[in-house]
């Protein structure tokens, strides 16, 4: 039975490697000298916020300091810990808009709802 072939070279995406940098979006193999993908224009490297080391986007930890390069989905979704007043305003306006649209469509369809009082 033949040995399984890895999907990408083990060092692809590491700056200074002769194979190139693999794009995480379109999987195109780019020359190491480029900062953006030739085909889809996606960024190929991420700069570590702790040490400033330039890392490939496919890596999850910095090659220099081993710190996390990307925030988790929970951290990205959570954002700030406090509720922004503008977001609260847009939420309230959205609820009012949905209620007005529902009332308009009920009036348009001439649906009679029973009185609750």
PDB file of N, CA and C in Angstrom:
ATOM      1  N   UNK A   1       0.848  -1.175   0.000  1.00  0.00           N
ATOM      2  CA  UNK A   1       0.000   0.000   0.000  1.00  0.00           C
ATOM      3  C   UNK A   1       0.900   1.246   0.000  1.00  0.00           C
ATOM      4  N   UNK A   2       0.644   2.209  -0.904  1.00  0.00           N
ATOM      5  CA  UNK A   2       1.502   3.394  -0.976  1.00  0.00           C
ATOM      6  C   UNK A   2       1.285   4.319   0.222  1.00  0.00           C
ATOM      7  N   UNK A   3       2.354   5.062   0.551  1.00  0.00           N
ATOM      8  CA  UNK A   3       2.265   6.036   1.641  1.00  0.00           C
ATOM      9  C   UNK A   3       1.359   7.190   1.230  1.00  0.00           C
ATOM     10  N   UNK A   4       0.519   7.699   2.164  1.00  0.00           N
ATOM     11  CA  UNK A   4      -0.347   8.829   1.821  1.00  0.00           C
ATOM     12  C   UNK A   4       0.487  10.075   1.560  1.00  0.00           C
ATOM     13  N   UNK A   5       0.087  10.833   0.571  1.00  0.00           N
ATOM     14  CA  UNK A   5       0.780  12.065   0.201  1.00  0.00           C
ATOM     15  C   UNK A   5       0.087  13.229   0.904  1.00  0.00           C
ATOM     16  N   UNK A   6       0.836  14.094   1.619  1.00  0.00           N
ATOM     17  CA  UNK A   6       0.186  15.226   2.281  1.00  0.00           C
ATOM     18  C   UNK A   6      -0.414  16.187   1.268  1.00  0.00           C
ATOM     19  N   UNK A   7      -1.493  16.875   1.677  1.00  0.00           N
ATOM     20  CA  UNK A   7      -2.198  17.799   0.787  1.00  0.00           C
ATOM     21  C   UNK A   7      -1.322  18.981   0.400  1.00  0.00           C
ATOM     22  N   UNK A   8      -0.454  19.431   1.291  1.00  0.00           N
ATOM     23  CA  UNK A   8       0.450  20.527   0.995  1.00  0.00           C
ATOM     24  C   UNK A   8       1.805  20.206   1.601  1.00  0.00           C
ATOM     25  N   UNK A   9       2.867  20.768   1.045  1.00  0.00           N
ATOM     26  CA  UNK A   9       4.185  20.524   1.628  1.00  0.00           C
ATOM     27  C   UNK A   9       4.205  20.969   3.082  1.00  0.00           C
ATOM     28  N   UNK A  10       4.952  20.286   3.952  1.00  0.00           N
ATOM     29  CA  UNK A  10       4.907  20.620   5.381  1.00  0.00           C
ATOM     30  C   UNK A  10       5.404  22.021   5.700  1.00  0.00           C
ATOM     31  N   UNK A  11       6.269  22.590   4.851  1.00  0.00           N
ATOM     32  CA  UNK A  11       6.799  23.918   5.133  1.00  0.00           C
ATOM     33  C   UNK A  11       6.178  24.995   4.257  1.00  0.00           C
ATOM     34  N   UNK A  12       5.125  24.676   3.501  1.00  0.00           N
ATOM     35  CA  UNK A  12       4.489  25.685   2.652  1.00  0.00           C
ATOM     36  C   UNK A  12       3.865  26.761   3.520  1.00  0.00           C
ATOM     37  N   UNK A  13       4.117  27.989   3.190  1.00  0.00           N
ATOM     38  CA  UNK A  13       3.547  29.095   3.941  1.00  0.00           C
ATOM     39  C   UNK A  13       4.496  29.699   4.940  1.00  0.00           C
ATOM     40  N   UNK A  14       5.640  29.047   5.184  1.00  0.00           N
ATOM     41  CA  UNK A  14       6.609  29.607   6.110  1.00  0.00           C
ATOM     42  C   UNK A  14       7.518  30.530   5.319  1.00  0.00           C
ATOM     43  N   UNK A  15       7.646  31.810   5.735  1.00  0.00           N
ATOM     44  CA  UNK A  15       8.475  32.743   4.979  1.00  0.00           C
ATOM     45  C   UNK A  15       9.897  32.214   4.800  1.00  0.00           C
ATOM     46  N   UNK A  16      10.416  32.386   3.595  1.00  0.00           N
ATOM     47  CA  UNK A  16      11.770  31.948   3.309  1.00  0.00           C
ATOM     48  C   UNK A  16      11.854  30.540   2.761  1.00  0.00           C
ATOM     49  N   UNK A  17      10.761  29.833   2.673  1.00  0.00           N
ATOM     50  CA  UNK A  17      10.771  28.480   2.131  1.00  0.00           C
ATOM     51  C   UNK A  17      10.620  28.557   0.625  1.00  0.00           C
ATOM     52  N   UNK A  18      11.318  27.691  -0.097  1.00  0.00           N
ATOM     53  CA  UNK A  18      11.370  27.785  -1.553  1.00  0.00           C
ATOM     54  C   UNK A  18      10.084  27.342  -2.244  1.00  0.00           C
ATOM     55  N   UNK A  19       9.220  26.584  -1.574  1.00  0.00           N
ATOM     56  CA  UNK A  19       8.006  26.078  -2.215  1.00  0.00           C
ATOM     57  C   UNK A  19       6.981  27.175  -2.467  1.00  0.00           C
ATOM     58  N   UNK A  20       6.864  28.135  -1.578  1.00  0.00           N
ATOM     59  CA  UNK A  20       5.902  29.206  -1.742  1.00  0.00           C
ATOM     60  C   UNK A  20       4.952  29.283  -0.571  1.00  0.00           C
ATOM     61  N   UNK A  21       3.936  30.121  -0.735  1.00  0.00           N
ATOM     62  CA  UNK A  21       2.939  30.348   0.315  1.00  0.00           C
ATOM     63  C   UNK A  21       1.584  29.919  -0.217  1.00  0.00           C
ATOM     64  N   UNK A  22       0.919  29.056   0.523  1.00  0.00           N
ATOM     65  CA  UNK A  22      -0.393  28.560   0.126  1.00  0.00           C
ATOM     66  C   UNK A  22      -1.472  29.514   0.605  1.00  0.00           C
ATOM     67  N   UNK A  23      -2.352  29.953  -0.292  1.00  0.00           N
ATOM     68  CA  UNK A  23      -3.456  30.849   0.068  1.00  0.00           C
ATOM     69  C   UNK A  23      -4.519  30.044   0.810  1.00  0.00           C
ATOM     70  N   UNK A  24      -5.022  30.579   1.924  1.00  0.00           N
ATOM     71  CA  UNK A  24      -6.025  29.867   2.707  1.00  0.00           C
ATOM     72  C   UNK A  24      -7.412  29.947   2.086  1.00  0.00           C
ATOM     73  N   UNK A  25      -7.636  30.898   1.195  1.00  0.00           N
ATOM     74  CA  UNK A  25      -8.972  31.040   0.587  1.00  0.00           C
ATOM     75  C   UNK A  25      -9.113  30.223  -0.691  1.00  0.00           C
ATOM     76  N   UNK A  26      -8.150  30.364  -1.621  1.00  0.00           N
ATOM     77  CA  UNK A  26      -8.297  29.684  -2.919  1.00  0.00           C
ATOM     78  C   UNK A  26      -7.291  28.554  -3.118  1.00  0.00           C
ATOM     79  N   UNK A  27      -6.388  28.339  -2.148  1.00  0.00           N
ATOM     80  CA  UNK A  27      -5.391  27.281  -2.173  1.00  0.00           C
ATOM     81  C   UNK A  27      -4.420  27.390  -3.349  1.00  0.00           C
ATOM     82  N   UNK A  28      -4.168  28.606  -3.806  1.00  0.00           N
ATOM     83  CA  UNK A  28      -3.182  28.854  -4.862  1.00  0.00           C
ATOM     84  C   UNK A  28      -1.808  28.966  -4.222  1.00  0.00           C
ATOM     85  N   UNK A  29      -0.794  28.350  -4.823  1.00  0.00           N
ATOM     86  CA  UNK A  29       0.564  28.421  -4.304  1.00  0.00           C
ATOM     87  C   UNK A  29       1.236  29.666  -4.870  1.00  0.00           C
ATOM     88  N   UNK A  30       1.545  30.621  -4.000  1.00  0.00           N
ATOM     89  CA  UNK A  30       2.104  31.915  -4.391  1.00  0.00           C
ATOM     90  C   UNK A  30       3.597  31.967  -4.078  1.00  0.00           C
ATOM     91  N   UNK A  31       4.339  32.812  -4.804  1.00  0.00           N
ATOM     92  CA  UNK A  31       5.739  33.033  -4.434  1.00  0.00           C
ATOM     93  C   UNK A  31       5.823  33.689  -3.057  1.00  0.00           C
ATOM     94  N   UNK A  32       6.914  33.432  -2.335  1.00  0.00           N
ATOM     95  CA  UNK A  32       7.078  33.938  -0.971  1.00  0.00           C
ATOM     96  C   UNK A  32       7.199  35.458  -0.962  1.00  0.00           C
ATOM     97  N   UNK A  33       7.627  36.054  -2.057  1.00  0.00           N
ATOM     98  CA  UNK A  33       7.857  37.495  -2.095  1.00  0.00           C
ATOM     99  C   UNK A  33       6.563  38.314  -2.070  1.00  0.00           C
ATOM    100  N   UNK A  34       5.415  37.692  -2.338  1.00  0.00           N
ATOM    101  CA  UNK A  34       4.154  38.424  -2.387  1.00  0.00           C
ATOM    102  C   UNK A  34       3.505  38.531  -1.010  1.00  0.00           C
ATOM    103  N   UNK A  35       2.768  39.624  -0.791  1.00  0.00           N
ATOM    104  CA  UNK A  35       1.996  39.792   0.447  1.00  0.00           C
ATOM    105  C   UNK A  35       0.540  39.393   0.257  1.00  0.00           C
ATOM    106  N   UNK A  36       0.059  39.441  -1.000  1.00  0.00           N
ATOM    107  CA  UNK A  36      -1.327  39.077  -1.315  1.00  0.00           C
ATOM    108  C   UNK A  36      -1.334  37.998  -2.382  1.00  0.00           C
ATOM    109  N   UNK A  37      -2.402  37.200  -2.384  1.00  0.00           N
ATOM    110  CA  UNK A  37      -2.546  36.107  -3.345  1.00  0.00           C
ATOM    111  C   UNK A  37      -2.667  36.651  -4.763  1.00  0.00           C
ATOM    112  N   UNK A  38      -2.065  35.936  -5.724  1.00  0.00           N
ATOM    113  CA  UNK A  38      -2.121  36.352  -7.129  1.00  0.00           C
ATOM    114  C   UNK A  38      -3.519  36.226  -7.715  1.00  0.00           C
ATOM    115  N   UNK A  39      -4.299  35.254  -7.245  1.00  0.00           N
ATOM    116  CA  UNK A  39      -5.599  35.006  -7.858  1.00  0.00           C
ATOM    117  C   UNK A  39      -6.766  35.683  -7.136  1.00  0.00           C
ATOM    118  N   UNK A  40      -6.779  35.640  -5.796  1.00  0.00           N
ATOM    119  CA  UNK A  40      -7.953  36.169  -5.081  1.00  0.00           C
ATOM    120  C   UNK A  40      -7.648  37.421  -4.255  1.00  0.00           C
ATOM    121  N   UNK A  41      -6.402  37.874  -4.228  1.00  0.00           N
ATOM    122  CA  UNK A  41      -5.999  39.114  -3.551  1.00  0.00           C
ATOM    123  C   UNK A  41      -6.181  39.051  -2.030  1.00  0.00           C
ATOM    124  N   UNK A  42      -6.190  37.849  -1.452  1.00  0.00           N
ATOM    125  CA  UNK A  42      -6.298  37.696   0.006  1.00  0.00           C
ATOM    126  C   UNK A  42      -4.914  37.870   0.635  1.00  0.00           C
ATOM    127  N   UNK A  43      -4.875  38.362   1.863  1.00  0.00           N
ATOM    128  CA  UNK A  43      -3.608  38.515   2.570  1.00  0.00           C
ATOM    129  C   UNK A  43      -3.018  37.139   2.872  1.00  0.00           C
ATOM    130  N   UNK A  44      -1.722  36.991   2.662  1.00  0.00           N
ATOM    131  CA  UNK A  44      -1.053  35.714   2.879  1.00  0.00           C
ATOM    132  C   UNK A  44      -0.376  35.624   4.238  1.00  0.00           C
ATOM    133  N   UNK A  45      -0.098  36.763   4.852  1.00  0.00           N
ATOM    134  CA  UNK A  45       0.627  36.777   6.114  1.00  0.00           C
ATOM    135  C   UNK A  45      -0.123  37.563   7.176  1.00  0.00           C
ATOM    136  N   UNK A  46       0.147  37.212   8.439  1.00  0.00           N
ATOM    137  CA  UNK A  46      -0.406  37.899   9.606  1.00  0.00           C
ATOM    138  C   UNK A  46       0.779  38.313  10.468  1.00  0.00           C
ATOM    139  N   UNK A  47       0.758  39.551  10.944  1.00  0.00           N
ATOM    140  CA  UNK A  47       1.817  40.032  11.836  1.00  0.00           C
ATOM    141  C   UNK A  47       1.344  39.818  13.273  1.00  0.00           C
ATOM    142  N   UNK A  48       2.196  39.197  14.072  1.00  0.00           N
ATOM    143  CA  UNK A  48       1.865  38.919  15.465  1.00  0.00           C
ATOM    144  C   UNK A  48       1.749  40.225  16.236  1.00  0.00           C
ATOM    145  N   UNK A  49       0.683  40.368  17.018  1.00  0.00           N
ATOM    146  CA  UNK A  49       0.475  41.600  17.780  1.00  0.00           C
ATOM    147  C   UNK A  49       1.384  41.665  19.005  1.00  0.00           C
ATOM    148  N   UNK A  50       1.939  40.543  19.422  1.00  0.00           N
ATOM    149  CA  UNK A  50       2.804  40.525  20.610  1.00  0.00           C
ATOM    150  C   UNK A  50       4.267  40.804  20.265  1.00  0.00           C
ATOM    151  N   UNK A  51       4.803  40.123  19.231  1.00  0.00           N
ATOM    152  CA  UNK A  51       6.235  40.264  18.942  1.00  0.00           C
ATOM    153  C   UNK A  51       6.531  40.877  17.580  1.00  0.00           C
ATOM    154  N   UNK A  52       5.511  41.010  16.711  1.00  0.00           N
ATOM    155  CA  UNK A  52       5.712  41.618  15.400  1.00  0.00           C
ATOM    156  C   UNK A  52       6.258  40.671  14.347  1.00  0.00           C
ATOM    157  N   UNK A  53       6.322  39.383  14.632  1.00  0.00           N
ATOM    158  CA  UNK A  53       6.830  38.392  13.679  1.00  0.00           C
ATOM    159  C   UNK A  53       5.820  38.197  12.558  1.00  0.00           C
ATOM    160  N   UNK A  54       6.320  38.066  11.317  1.00  0.00           N
ATOM    161  CA  UNK A  54       5.456  37.859  10.145  1.00  0.00           C
ATOM    162  C   UNK A  54       5.211  36.361   9.983  1.00  0.00           C
ATOM    163  N   UNK A  55       3.936  35.952  10.063  1.00  0.00           N
ATOM    164  CA  UNK A  55       3.550  34.539  10.013  1.00  0.00           C
ATOM    165  C   UNK A  55       2.593  34.292   8.862  1.00  0.00           C
ATOM    166  N   UNK A  56       2.575  33.058   8.392  1.00  0.00           N
ATOM    167  CA  UNK A  56       1.595  32.660   7.391  1.00  0.00           C
ATOM    168  C   UNK A  56       0.203  32.626   8.020  1.00  0.00           C
ATOM    169  N   UNK A  57      -0.825  32.893   7.221  1.00  0.00           N
ATOM    170  CA  UNK A  57      -2.192  32.896   7.751  1.00  0.00           C
ATOM    171  C   UNK A  57      -2.667  31.521   8.162  1.00  0.00           C
ATOM    172  N   UNK A  58      -2.053  30.467   7.633  1.00  0.00           N
ATOM    173  CA  UNK A  58      -2.502  29.116   7.959  1.00  0.00           C
ATOM    174  C   UNK A  58      -2.068  28.689   9.355  1.00  0.00           C
ATOM    175  N   UNK A  59      -1.093  29.399   9.936  1.00  0.00           N
ATOM    176  CA  UNK A  59      -0.628  29.053  11.270  1.00  0.00           C
ATOM    177  C   UNK A  59      -1.572  29.605  12.321  1.00  0.00           C
ATOM    178  N   UNK A  60      -1.738  28.872  13.418  1.00  0.00           N
ATOM    179  CA  UNK A  60      -2.602  29.344  14.493  1.00  0.00           C
ATOM    180  C   UNK A  60      -1.805  30.012  15.610  1.00  0.00           C
ATOM    181  N   UNK A  61      -0.512  29.685  15.705  1.00  0.00           N
ATOM    182  CA  UNK A  61       0.358  30.280  16.723  1.00  0.00           C
ATOM    183  C   UNK A  61       1.561  30.918  16.043  1.00  0.00           C
ATOM    184  N   UNK A  62       2.074  31.956  16.654  1.00  0.00           N
ATOM    185  CA  UNK A  62       3.218  32.697  16.131  1.00  0.00           C
ATOM    186  C   UNK A  62       4.464  31.820  16.177  1.00  0.00           C
ATOM    187  N   UNK A  63       5.260  31.856  15.103  1.00  0.00           N
ATOM    188  CA  UNK A  63       6.500  31.085  15.069  1.00  0.00           C
ATOM    189  C   UNK A  63       7.559  31.708  15.966  1.00  0.00           C
ATOM    190  N   UNK A  64       7.409  32.988  16.307  1.00  0.00           N
ATOM    191  CA  UNK A  64       8.380  33.667  17.146  1.00  0.00           C
ATOM    192  C   UNK A  64       8.115  33.514  18.631  1.00  0.00           C
ATOM    193  N   UNK A  65       6.901  33.825  19.075  1.00  0.00           N
ATOM    194  CA  UNK A  65       6.605  33.834  20.519  1.00  0.00           C
ATOM    195  C   UNK A  65       5.588  32.776  20.926  1.00  0.00           C
ATOM    196  N   UNK A  66       5.033  32.014  19.978  1.00  0.00           N
ATOM    197  CA  UNK A  66       4.018  30.974  20.215  1.00  0.00           C
ATOM    198  C   UNK A  66       2.704  31.529  20.749  1.00  0.00           C
ATOM    199  N   UNK A  67       2.469  32.832  20.581  1.00  0.00           N
ATOM    200  CA  UNK A  67       1.200  33.436  20.983  1.00  0.00           C
ATOM    201  C   UNK A  67       0.125  33.173  19.942  1.00  0.00           C
ATOM    202  N   UNK A  68      -1.144  33.307  20.328  1.00  0.00           N
ATOM    203  CA  UNK A  68      -2.252  33.086  19.402  1.00  0.00           C
ATOM    204  C   UNK A  68      -2.276  34.184  18.343  1.00  0.00           C
ATOM    205  N   UNK A  69      -2.436  33.783  17.071  1.00  0.00           N
ATOM    206  CA  UNK A  69      -2.486  34.749  15.972  1.00  0.00           C
ATOM    207  C   UNK A  69      -3.901  35.201  15.665  1.00  0.00           C
ATOM    208  N   UNK A  70      -4.864  34.344  15.902  1.00  0.00           N
ATOM    209  CA  UNK A  70      -6.252  34.645  15.547  1.00  0.00           C
ATOM    210  C   UNK A  70      -7.125  34.563  16.786  1.00  0.00           C
ATOM    211  N   UNK A  71      -8.148  35.422  16.831  1.00  0.00           N
ATOM    212  CA  UNK A  71      -9.114  35.337  17.922  1.00  0.00           C
ATOM    213  C   UNK A  71     -10.086  34.209  17.636  1.00  0.00           C
ATOM    214  N   UNK A  72     -10.602  33.592  18.681  1.00  0.00           N
ATOM    215  CA  UNK A  72     -11.571  32.517  18.512  1.00  0.00           C
ATOM    216  C   UNK A  72     -12.896  33.103  18.033  1.00  0.00           C
ATOM    217  N   UNK A  73     -13.761  32.245  17.547  1.00  0.00           N
ATOM    218  CA  UNK A  73     -15.077  32.689  17.065  1.00  0.00           C
ATOM    219  C   UNK A  73     -15.847  33.351  18.193  1.00  0.00           C
ATOM    220  N   UNK A  74     -15.743  32.795  19.399  1.00  0.00           N
ATOM    221  CA  UNK A  74     -16.443  33.372  20.550  1.00  0.00           C
ATOM    222  C   UNK A  74     -15.929  34.781  20.857  1.00  0.00           C
ATOM    223  N   UNK A  75     -14.604  34.971  20.783  1.00  0.00           N
ATOM    224  CA  UNK A  75     -14.031  36.294  21.036  1.00  0.00           C
ATOM    225  C   UNK A  75     -14.441  37.286  19.960  1.00  0.00           C
ATOM    226  N   UNK A  76     -14.472  36.832  18.689  1.00  0.00           N
ATOM    227  CA  UNK A  76     -14.883  37.724  17.606  1.00  0.00           C
ATOM    228  C   UNK A  76     -16.354  38.098  17.734  1.00  0.00           C
ATOM    229  N   UNK A  77     -17.203  37.140  18.108  1.00  0.00           N
ATOM    230  CA  UNK A  77     -18.636  37.403  18.228  1.00  0.00           C
ATOM    231  C   UNK A  77     -18.917  38.310  19.419  1.00  0.00           C
ATOM    232  N   UNK A  78     -18.216  38.052  20.526  1.00  0.00           N
ATOM    233  CA  UNK A  78     -18.458  38.808  21.751  1.00  0.00           C
ATOM    234  C   UNK A  78     -18.046  40.260  21.589  1.00  0.00           C
ATOM    235  N   UNK A  79     -16.900  40.495  20.959  1.00  0.00           N
ATOM    236  CA  UNK A  79     -16.425  41.861  20.773  1.00  0.00           C
ATOM    237  C   UNK A  79     -16.152  42.517  22.104  1.00  0.00           C
ATOM    238  N   UNK A  80     -16.714  43.696  22.317  1.00  0.00           N
ATOM    239  CA  UNK A  80     -16.552  44.402  23.584  1.00  0.00           C
ATOM    240  C   UNK A  80     -17.481  43.836  24.640  1.00  0.00           C
ATOM    241  N   UNK A  81     -17.153  44.070  25.891  1.00  0.00           N
ATOM    242  CA  UNK A  81     -17.976  43.531  26.974  1.00  0.00           C
ATOM    243  C   UNK A  81     -19.189  44.409  27.260  1.00  0.00           C
ATOM    244  N   UNK A  82     -19.153  45.652  26.833  1.00  0.00           N
ATOM    245  CA  UNK A  82     -20.279  46.546  27.110  1.00  0.00           C
ATOM    246  C   UNK A  82     -21.166  46.692  25.874  1.00  0.00           C
ATOM    247  N   UNK A  83     -22.431  46.952  26.092  1.00  0.00           N
ATOM    248  CA  UNK A  83     -23.378  47.111  25.001  1.00  0.00           C
ATOM    249  C   UNK A  83     -23.239  48.528  24.450  1.00  0.00           C
ATOM    250  N   UNK A  84     -23.056  48.619  23.147  1.00  0.00           N
ATOM    251  CA  UNK A  84     -22.917  49.927  22.520  1.00  0.00           C
ATOM    252  C   UNK A  84     -24.291  50.575  22.385  1.00  0.00           C
ATOM    253  N   UNK A  85     -24.435  51.867  22.712  1.00  0.00           N
ATOM    254  CA  UNK A  85     -25.746  52.526  22.617  1.00  0.00           C
ATOM    255  C   UNK A  85     -26.287  52.550  21.196  1.00  0.00           C
ATOM    256  N   UNK A  86     -25.408  52.661  20.203  1.00  0.00           N
ATOM    257  CA  UNK A  86     -25.862  52.699  18.817  1.00  0.00           C
ATOM    258  C   UNK A  86     -26.472  51.361  18.430  1.00  0.00           C
ATOM    259  N   UNK A  87     -25.851  50.262  18.849  1.00  0.00           N
ATOM    260  CA  UNK A  87     -26.390  48.939  18.546  1.00  0.00           C
ATOM    261  C   UNK A  87     -27.759  48.747  19.191  1.00  0.00           C
ATOM    262  N   UNK A  88     -27.922  49.248  20.406  1.00  0.00           N
ATOM    263  CA  UNK A  88     -29.203  49.155  21.100  1.00  0.00           C
ATOM    264  C   UNK A  88     -30.274  49.962  20.363  1.00  0.00           C
ATOM    265  N   UNK A  89     -29.898  51.127  19.846  1.00  0.00           N
ATOM    266  CA  UNK A  89     -30.820  51.963  19.085  1.00  0.00           C
ATOM    267  C   UNK A  89     -31.267  51.251  17.812  1.00  0.00           C
ATOM    268  N   UNK A  90     -30.308  50.680  17.068  1.00  0.00           N
ATOM    269  CA  UNK A  90     -30.645  49.969  15.839  1.00  0.00           C
ATOM    270  C   UNK A  90     -31.512  48.742  16.124  1.00  0.00           C
ATOM    271  N   UNK A  91     -31.261  48.061  17.226  1.00  0.00           N
ATOM    272  CA  UNK A  91     -32.085  46.915  17.598  1.00  0.00           C
ATOM    273  C   UNK A  91     -33.520  47.354  17.860  1.00  0.00           C
ATOM    274  N   UNK A  92     -33.688  48.437  18.616  1.00  0.00           N
ATOM    275  CA  UNK A  92     -35.030  48.952  18.904  1.00  0.00           C
ATOM    276  C   UNK A  92     -35.756  49.391  17.644  1.00  0.00           C
ATOM    277  N   UNK A  93     -35.036  50.088  16.755  1.00  0.00           N
ATOM    278  CA  UNK A  93     -35.647  50.509  15.495  1.00  0.00           C
ATOM    279  C   UNK A  93     -36.015  49.311  14.625  1.00  0.00           C
ATOM    280  N   UNK A  94     -35.225  48.271  14.676  1.00  0.00           N
ATOM    281  CA  UNK A  94     -35.534  47.062  13.912  1.00  0.00           C
ATOM    282  C   UNK A  94     -36.797  46.389  14.417  1.00  0.00           C
ATOM    283  N   UNK A  95     -36.964  46.305  15.729  1.00  0.00           N
ATOM    284  CA  UNK A  95     -38.166  45.706  16.317  1.00  0.00           C
ATOM    285  C   UNK A  95     -39.402  46.516  15.940  1.00  0.00           C
ATOM    286  N   UNK A  96     -39.290  47.841  16.019  1.00  0.00           N
ATOM    287  CA  UNK A  96     -40.418  48.705  15.652  1.00  0.00           C
ATOM    288  C   UNK A  96     -40.746  48.534  14.177  1.00  0.00           C
ATOM    289  N   UNK A  97     -39.721  48.448  13.334  1.00  0.00           N
ATOM    290  CA  UNK A  97     -39.939  48.256  11.897  1.00  0.00           C
ATOM    291  C   UNK A  97     -40.633  46.942  11.596  1.00  0.00           C
ATOM    292  N   UNK A  98     -40.235  45.879  12.265  1.00  0.00           N
ATOM    293  CA  UNK A  98     -40.860  44.573  12.052  1.00  0.00           C
ATOM    294  C   UNK A  98     -42.326  44.605  12.494  1.00  0.00           C
ATOM    295  N   UNK A  99     -42.609  45.261  13.621  1.00  0.00           N
ATOM    296  CA  UNK A  99     -43.990  45.359  14.097  1.00  0.00           C
ATOM    297  C   UNK A  99     -44.844  46.166  13.124  1.00  0.00           C
ATOM    298  N   UNK A 100     -44.311  47.245  12.588  1.00  0.00           N
ATOM    299  CA  UNK A 100     -45.060  48.050  11.620  1.00  0.00           C
ATOM    300  C   UNK A 100     -45.312  47.277  10.325  1.00  0.00           C
ATOM    301  N   UNK A 101     -44.322  46.522   9.869  1.00  0.00           N
ATOM    302  CA  UNK A 101     -44.520  45.725   8.648  1.00  0.00           C
ATOM    303  C   UNK A 101     -45.569  44.644   8.880  1.00  0.00           C
ATOM    304  N   UNK A 102     -45.552  44.005  10.049  1.00  0.00           N
ATOM    305  CA  UNK A 102     -46.554  42.983  10.345  1.00  0.00           C
ATOM    306  C   UNK A 102     -47.950  43.597  10.389  1.00  0.00           C
ATOM    307  N   UNK A 103     -48.081  44.761  11.006  1.00  0.00           N
ATOM    308  CA  UNK A 103     -49.391  45.429  11.055  1.00  0.00           C
ATOM    309  C   UNK A 103     -49.856  45.802   9.652  1.00  0.00           C
ATOM    310  N   UNK A 104     -48.937  46.276   8.798  1.00  0.00           N
ATOM    311  CA  UNK A 104     -49.304  46.650   7.430  1.00  0.00           C
ATOM    312  C   UNK A 104     -49.779  45.437   6.645  1.00  0.00           C
ATOM    313  N   UNK A 105     -49.069  44.313   6.753  1.00  0.00           N
ATOM    314  CA  UNK A 105     -49.471  43.133   5.997  1.00  0.00           C
ATOM    315  C   UNK A 105     -50.779  42.547   6.520  1.00  0.00           C
ATOM    316  N   UNK A 106     -51.025  42.634   7.824  1.00  0.00           N
ATOM    317  CA  UNK A 106     -52.307  42.191   8.357  1.00  0.00           C
ATOM    318  C   UNK A 106     -53.430  43.088   7.837  1.00  0.00           C
ATOM    319  N   UNK A 107     -53.192  44.397   7.782  1.00  0.00           N
ATOM    320  CA  UNK A 107     -54.189  45.321   7.250  1.00  0.00           C
ATOM    321  C   UNK A 107     -54.406  45.069   5.766  1.00  0.00           C
ATOM    322  N   UNK A 108     -53.310  44.802   5.029  1.00  0.00           N
ATOM    323  CA  UNK A 108     -53.397  44.550   3.594  1.00  0.00           C
ATOM    324  C   UNK A 108     -54.177  43.271   3.305  1.00  0.00           C
ATOM    325  N   UNK A 109     -53.986  42.264   4.124  1.00  0.00           N
ATOM    326  CA  UNK A 109     -54.685  40.992   3.931  1.00  0.00           C
ATOM    327  C   UNK A 109     -56.086  41.019   4.523  1.00  0.00           C
ATOM    328  N   UNK A 110     -56.418  42.100   5.219  1.00  0.00           N
ATOM    329  CA  UNK A 110     -57.720  42.280   5.834  1.00  0.00           C
ATOM    330  C   UNK A 110     -58.037  41.119   6.788  1.00  0.00           C
ATOM    331  N   UNK A 111     -57.066  40.763   7.575  1.00  0.00           N
ATOM    332  CA  UNK A 111     -57.245  39.703   8.550  1.00  0.00           C
ATOM    333  C   UNK A 111     -57.767  40.347   9.848  1.00  0.00           C
ATOM    334  N   UNK A 112     -58.831  39.783  10.346  1.00  0.00           N
ATOM    335  CA  UNK A 112     -59.416  40.277  11.584  1.00  0.00           C
ATOM    336  C   UNK A 112     -58.906  39.456  12.753  1.00  0.00           C
ATOM    337  N   UNK A 113     -58.236  40.088  13.655  1.00  0.00           N
ATOM    338  CA  UNK A 113     -57.766  39.401  14.844  1.00  0.00           C
ATOM    339  C   UNK A 113     -58.762  39.649  15.972  1.00  0.00           C
ATOM    340  N   UNK A 114     -58.963  38.674  16.858  1.00  0.00           N
ATOM    341  CA  UNK A 114     -59.890  38.883  17.949  1.00  0.00           C
ATOM    342  C   UNK A 114     -59.352  39.930  18.927  1.00  0.00           C
ATOM    343  N   UNK A 115     -60.286  40.716  19.453  1.00  0.00           N
ATOM    344  CA  UNK A 115     -59.896  41.740  20.431  1.00  0.00           C
ATOM    345  C   UNK A 115     -59.595  41.052  21.751  1.00  0.00           C
ATOM    346  N   UNK A 116     -58.536  41.517  22.380  1.00  0.00           N
ATOM    347  CA  UNK A 116     -58.122  40.928  23.652  1.00  0.00           C
ATOM    348  C   UNK A 116     -58.583  41.762  24.833  1.00  0.00           C
ATOM    349  N   UNK A 117     -59.265  42.884  24.604  1.00  0.00           N
ATOM    350  CA  UNK A 117     -59.717  43.714  25.718  1.00  0.00           C
ATOM    351  C   UNK A 117     -61.193  43.908  25.690  1.00  0.00           C
TER     352      UNK A 117
END
